[in-house]
């Protein structure tokens, strides 16, 4: 499952990830197209989401 490198969200398909990046992490500049917007990056939130997933994946001993 692909993960957004800017905010840490997971998507079912690569196409969904591409659409998310285009809509959420870019801005449109007149006469030049779309460019990445660094103000939409959430690296701390991405780290927190990864840590939560890591905790959920780790299973403790059965006893």
N, C-alpha and C. Protein backbone atom coordinates (compact mmCIF):
# COMPACT_ATOMS: atom_id res chain seq x y z
N UNK A 1 0.84 -1.17 0.00
CA UNK A 1 0.00 0.00 0.00
C UNK A 1 0.89 1.24 0.00
N UNK A 2 0.69 2.13 -0.95
CA UNK A 2 1.53 3.33 -1.03
C UNK A 2 1.21 4.33 0.09
N UNK A 3 2.25 5.01 0.53
CA UNK A 3 2.13 5.99 1.60
C UNK A 3 2.55 7.36 1.08
N UNK A 4 1.82 8.39 1.46
CA UNK A 4 2.17 9.75 1.06
C UNK A 4 3.44 10.16 1.80
N UNK A 5 4.43 10.59 1.04
CA UNK A 5 5.69 10.98 1.64
C UNK A 5 5.62 12.32 2.35
N UNK A 6 4.56 13.05 2.15
CA UNK A 6 4.44 14.38 2.75
C UNK A 6 3.62 14.41 4.02
N UNK A 7 2.61 13.54 4.14
CA UNK A 7 1.77 13.58 5.34
C UNK A 7 1.58 12.22 6.00
N UNK A 8 2.03 11.14 5.36
CA UNK A 8 1.98 9.83 5.99
C UNK A 8 0.69 9.06 5.81
N UNK A 9 -0.25 9.56 5.05
CA UNK A 9 -1.50 8.84 4.84
C UNK A 9 -1.28 7.67 3.89
N UNK A 10 -2.04 6.59 4.11
CA UNK A 10 -1.93 5.40 3.28
C UNK A 10 -3.08 5.35 2.29
N UNK A 11 -2.82 4.79 1.12
CA UNK A 11 -3.82 4.67 0.07
C UNK A 11 -3.82 3.26 -0.50
N UNK A 12 -4.94 2.85 -1.03
CA UNK A 12 -5.06 1.50 -1.57
C UNK A 12 -4.35 1.34 -2.90
N UNK A 13 -4.28 2.41 -3.69
CA UNK A 13 -3.68 2.32 -5.02
C UNK A 13 -2.70 3.47 -5.23
N UNK A 14 -1.82 3.28 -6.19
CA UNK A 14 -0.89 4.36 -6.56
C UNK A 14 -1.66 5.52 -7.18
N UNK A 15 -2.71 5.21 -7.89
CA UNK A 15 -3.51 6.27 -8.51
C UNK A 15 -4.16 7.15 -7.43
N UNK A 16 -4.66 6.53 -6.38
CA UNK A 16 -5.24 7.30 -5.28
C UNK A 16 -4.21 8.19 -4.62
N UNK A 17 -2.98 7.68 -4.48
CA UNK A 17 -1.90 8.48 -3.91
C UNK A 17 -1.57 9.67 -4.80
N UNK A 18 -1.50 9.44 -6.11
CA UNK A 18 -1.20 10.54 -7.03
C UNK A 18 -2.28 11.61 -6.99
N UNK A 19 -3.54 11.19 -6.93
CA UNK A 19 -4.63 12.16 -6.86
C UNK A 19 -4.55 12.96 -5.57
N UNK A 20 -4.24 12.28 -4.45
CA UNK A 20 -4.13 12.97 -3.17
C UNK A 20 -3.03 14.02 -3.20
N UNK A 21 -1.86 13.65 -3.72
CA UNK A 21 -0.74 14.60 -3.78
C UNK A 21 -1.11 15.79 -4.66
N UNK A 22 -1.75 15.52 -5.79
CA UNK A 22 -2.13 16.61 -6.69
C UNK A 22 -3.13 17.56 -6.03
N UNK A 23 -4.09 17.02 -5.32
CA UNK A 23 -5.13 17.87 -4.73
C UNK A 23 -4.70 18.51 -3.42
N UNK A 24 -3.95 17.79 -2.59
CA UNK A 24 -3.68 18.27 -1.24
C UNK A 24 -2.33 18.98 -1.09
N UNK A 25 -1.35 18.63 -1.90
CA UNK A 25 -0.01 19.14 -1.67
C UNK A 25 0.54 20.01 -2.80
N UNK A 26 -0.30 20.44 -3.72
CA UNK A 26 0.16 21.34 -4.77
C UNK A 26 -0.73 22.57 -4.83
N UNK A 27 -0.19 23.62 -5.40
CA UNK A 27 -0.98 24.82 -5.65
C UNK A 27 -0.84 25.18 -7.12
N UNK A 28 -1.84 25.85 -7.63
CA UNK A 28 -1.81 26.23 -9.04
C UNK A 28 -1.27 27.64 -9.17
N UNK A 29 -0.31 27.79 -10.05
CA UNK A 29 0.29 29.09 -10.34
C UNK A 29 -0.14 29.48 -11.75
N UNK A 30 -0.68 30.68 -11.90
CA UNK A 30 -1.14 31.09 -13.23
C UNK A 30 -0.01 31.03 -14.26
N UNK A 31 -0.33 30.50 -15.41
CA UNK A 31 0.56 30.44 -16.57
C UNK A 31 1.73 29.46 -16.42
N UNK A 32 1.81 28.73 -15.32
CA UNK A 32 2.93 27.78 -15.20
C UNK A 32 2.51 26.40 -14.68
N UNK A 33 1.26 26.20 -14.34
CA UNK A 33 0.81 24.88 -13.90
C UNK A 33 0.78 24.73 -12.40
N UNK A 34 1.04 23.51 -11.91
CA UNK A 34 0.98 23.22 -10.50
C UNK A 34 2.38 22.95 -9.95
N UNK A 35 2.62 23.39 -8.71
CA UNK A 35 3.89 23.15 -8.03
C UNK A 35 3.60 22.68 -6.61
N UNK A 36 4.56 21.95 -6.03
CA UNK A 36 4.40 21.49 -4.65
C UNK A 36 4.36 22.68 -3.70
N UNK A 37 3.49 22.59 -2.71
CA UNK A 37 3.34 23.64 -1.72
C UNK A 37 3.91 23.14 -0.39
N UNK A 38 5.06 23.62 0.03
CA UNK A 38 5.69 23.11 1.25
C UNK A 38 4.91 23.40 2.52
N UNK A 39 3.96 24.31 2.49
CA UNK A 39 3.18 24.59 3.69
C UNK A 39 2.18 23.48 3.99
N UNK A 40 1.93 22.57 3.05
CA UNK A 40 0.98 21.49 3.29
C UNK A 40 1.66 20.22 3.80
N UNK A 41 2.97 20.22 3.94
CA UNK A 41 3.69 19.03 4.40
C UNK A 41 3.52 18.90 5.91
N UNK A 42 3.27 17.69 6.39
CA UNK A 42 3.09 17.43 7.82
C UNK A 42 3.99 16.27 8.22
N UNK A 43 5.28 16.54 8.37
CA UNK A 43 6.23 15.48 8.66
C UNK A 43 6.04 14.94 10.08
N UNK A 44 5.69 15.79 11.04
CA UNK A 44 5.47 15.31 12.40
C UNK A 44 4.24 14.41 12.47
N UNK A 45 3.18 14.81 11.79
CA UNK A 45 1.98 13.98 11.74
C UNK A 45 2.24 12.64 11.08
N UNK A 46 3.08 12.65 10.05
CA UNK A 46 3.44 11.41 9.37
C UNK A 46 4.19 10.49 10.32
N UNK A 47 5.10 11.04 11.10
CA UNK A 47 5.84 10.21 12.05
C UNK A 47 4.91 9.63 13.11
N UNK A 48 3.94 10.42 13.59
CA UNK A 48 2.99 9.92 14.57
C UNK A 48 2.13 8.80 13.99
N UNK A 49 1.68 8.95 12.75
CA UNK A 49 0.88 7.90 12.12
C UNK A 49 1.68 6.62 11.94
N UNK A 50 2.95 6.76 11.56
CA UNK A 50 3.79 5.57 11.40
C UNK A 50 3.98 4.86 12.73
N UNK A 51 4.18 5.62 13.80
CA UNK A 51 4.35 5.03 15.12
C UNK A 51 3.08 4.29 15.56
N UNK A 52 1.90 4.88 15.31
CA UNK A 52 0.64 4.21 15.65
C UNK A 52 0.50 2.90 14.88
N UNK A 53 0.82 2.93 13.58
CA UNK A 53 0.73 1.69 12.78
C UNK A 53 1.71 0.65 13.28
N UNK A 54 2.90 1.09 13.67
CA UNK A 54 3.91 0.16 14.16
C UNK A 54 3.42 -0.51 15.44
N UNK A 55 2.78 0.25 16.33
CA UNK A 55 2.25 -0.32 17.57
C UNK A 55 1.15 -1.32 17.28
N UNK A 56 0.26 -0.99 16.32
CA UNK A 56 -0.83 -1.90 15.99
C UNK A 56 -0.33 -3.20 15.37
N UNK A 57 0.74 -3.10 14.57
CA UNK A 57 1.26 -4.28 13.89
C UNK A 57 1.97 -5.22 14.85
N UNK A 58 2.67 -4.67 15.82
CA UNK A 58 3.40 -5.52 16.77
C UNK A 58 2.41 -6.23 17.67
N UNK A 59 2.56 -7.53 17.71
CA UNK A 59 1.68 -8.31 18.57
C UNK A 59 2.51 -8.80 19.74
N UNK A 60 1.93 -8.74 20.90
CA UNK A 60 2.64 -9.19 22.09
C UNK A 60 2.59 -10.71 22.19
N UNK A 61 3.25 -11.24 23.21
CA UNK A 61 3.23 -12.68 23.40
C UNK A 61 1.83 -13.17 23.74
N UNK A 62 1.57 -14.40 23.44
CA UNK A 62 0.25 -14.95 23.69
C UNK A 62 -0.01 -15.16 25.17
N UNK A 63 1.04 -15.29 25.97
CA UNK A 63 0.85 -15.51 27.39
C UNK A 63 0.98 -14.28 28.17
